[in-house]
């Protein structure tokens, strides 16, 4: 199956997400599995305030781009094709935001 990165954008801070949304995130791999897809990796990101951006030799506090929706997390999804990946990604719970689906060139876990 093809692999896709699903980028989760959210306006609501992680600590302010409703419990039901957090519970739906925890159950997301099972719901995607019911559609025949598979989540192979996932991670949540610390808030934008913790970001450090590098542009050439310039290092600055804060995100690379100022936006209302911030990149809150990402997961790797295995799906039959883009249409299948989109159907699975639509299950991702967000309060105020959305998801972006991108095909991966390759995903590897680097051994120790």
Protein backbone atom coordinates (compact mmCIF):
# COMPACT_ATOMS: atom_id res chain seq x y z
CA UNK A 1 0.00 0.00 0.00
CA UNK A 2 1.05 3.59 -0.60
CA UNK A 3 2.09 5.80 2.31
CA UNK A 4 0.80 9.28 3.06
CA UNK A 5 1.61 11.94 5.64
CA UNK A 6 -1.52 13.40 7.23
CA UNK A 7 -0.73 16.81 8.69
CA UNK A 8 -3.17 17.98 11.35
CA UNK A 9 -3.82 21.73 11.58
CA UNK A 10 -5.72 23.09 14.56
CA UNK A 11 -6.57 26.53 15.98
CA UNK A 12 -7.41 25.19 19.45
CA UNK A 13 -4.43 24.74 21.78
CA UNK A 14 -3.74 21.13 22.84
CA UNK A 15 -4.59 21.83 26.48
CA UNK A 16 -7.96 23.28 25.42
CA UNK A 17 -9.07 20.38 23.21
CA UNK A 18 -12.28 18.77 24.48
CA UNK A 19 -11.89 15.32 26.02
CA UNK A 20 -14.10 13.81 23.32
CA UNK A 21 -11.70 15.06 20.62
CA UNK A 22 -8.70 13.63 22.47
CA UNK A 23 -10.54 10.30 22.88
CA UNK A 24 -11.33 10.28 19.14
CA UNK A 25 -7.62 10.83 18.40
CA UNK A 26 -6.76 7.79 20.52
CA UNK A 27 -9.33 5.68 18.65
CA UNK A 28 -8.36 6.95 15.19
CA UNK A 29 -6.07 4.03 14.26
CA UNK A 30 -8.89 1.56 14.92
CA UNK A 31 -11.41 3.56 12.88
CA UNK A 32 -8.95 3.84 10.00
CA UNK A 33 -8.31 0.10 10.27
CA UNK A 34 -12.03 -0.53 9.83
CA UNK A 35 -11.74 1.20 6.43
CA UNK A 36 -8.78 -1.00 5.46
CA UNK A 37 -6.09 1.60 6.09
CA UNK A 38 -3.32 1.55 8.67
CA UNK A 39 -1.65 4.19 10.83
CA UNK A 40 2.03 3.25 11.05
CA UNK A 41 3.37 6.23 13.03
CA UNK A 42 2.09 9.38 14.64
CA UNK A 43 3.15 12.25 16.79
CA UNK A 44 1.80 15.40 18.36
CA UNK A 45 3.79 18.62 18.33
CA UNK A 46 4.42 21.03 21.17
CA UNK A 47 2.69 24.44 20.76
CA UNK A 48 3.99 27.03 18.26
CA UNK A 49 5.59 29.03 21.08
CA UNK A 50 8.18 26.25 21.47
CA UNK A 51 9.28 26.36 17.81
CA UNK A 52 12.61 27.68 16.59
CA UNK A 53 12.93 28.59 12.90
CA UNK A 54 16.13 28.59 10.87
CA UNK A 55 16.41 30.61 7.65
CA UNK A 56 19.92 30.41 6.32
CA UNK A 57 22.16 31.67 9.15
CA UNK A 58 19.28 33.38 11.00
CA UNK A 59 17.79 31.50 13.97
CA UNK A 60 14.59 32.95 15.49
CA UNK A 61 12.10 31.95 18.15
CA UNK A 62 8.67 30.98 16.90
CA UNK A 63 7.30 29.17 13.88
CA UNK A 64 8.58 29.60 10.33
CA UNK A 65 5.23 31.01 9.19
CA UNK A 66 2.62 32.88 11.23
CA UNK A 67 -0.83 31.37 10.69
CA UNK A 68 -4.10 31.08 12.61
CA UNK A 69 -4.08 27.30 12.29
CA UNK A 70 -0.92 25.63 13.56
CA UNK A 71 0.59 22.29 12.68
CA UNK A 72 -0.47 20.23 15.69
CA UNK A 73 0.66 16.79 14.63
CA UNK A 74 1.26 14.32 11.84
CA UNK A 75 0.70 10.65 11.23
CA UNK A 76 1.79 8.21 8.56
CA UNK A 77 -1.07 6.42 6.85
CA UNK A 78 -0.96 3.38 4.59
CA UNK A 79 -3.79 3.37 2.05
CA UNK A 80 -4.62 1.76 -1.29
CA UNK A 81 -4.56 5.07 -3.18
CA UNK A 82 -5.15 8.79 -2.71
CA UNK A 83 -8.95 8.43 -2.63
CA UNK A 84 -8.66 5.81 0.11
CA UNK A 85 -6.18 8.02 2.01
CA UNK A 86 -8.57 10.97 1.82
CA UNK A 87 -11.47 8.85 3.10
CA UNK A 88 -9.33 7.72 6.05
CA UNK A 89 -7.96 11.20 6.76
CA UNK A 90 -11.49 12.63 6.92
CA UNK A 91 -11.89 10.66 10.16
CA UNK A 92 -9.25 12.83 11.88
CA UNK A 93 -10.92 14.84 14.66
CA UNK A 94 -10.34 18.60 14.66
CA UNK A 95 -12.18 21.40 16.45
CA UNK A 96 -11.20 24.35 14.23
CA UNK A 97 -8.86 23.38 11.43
CA UNK A 98 -8.35 20.56 9.02
CA UNK A 99 -5.91 18.04 7.64
CA UNK A 100 -3.57 17.95 4.66
CA UNK A 101 -2.70 14.67 2.94
CA UNK A 102 0.62 14.29 1.11
CA UNK A 103 2.03 11.21 -0.60
CA UNK A 104 5.34 10.11 0.87
CA UNK A 105 8.39 9.43 -1.25
CA UNK A 106 9.57 6.95 1.36
CA UNK A 107 9.23 6.44 5.08
CA UNK A 108 11.99 4.68 6.94
CA UNK A 109 12.71 4.08 10.59
CA UNK A 110 16.42 4.68 11.12
CA UNK A 111 17.95 1.91 13.26
CA UNK A 112 20.06 2.76 16.31
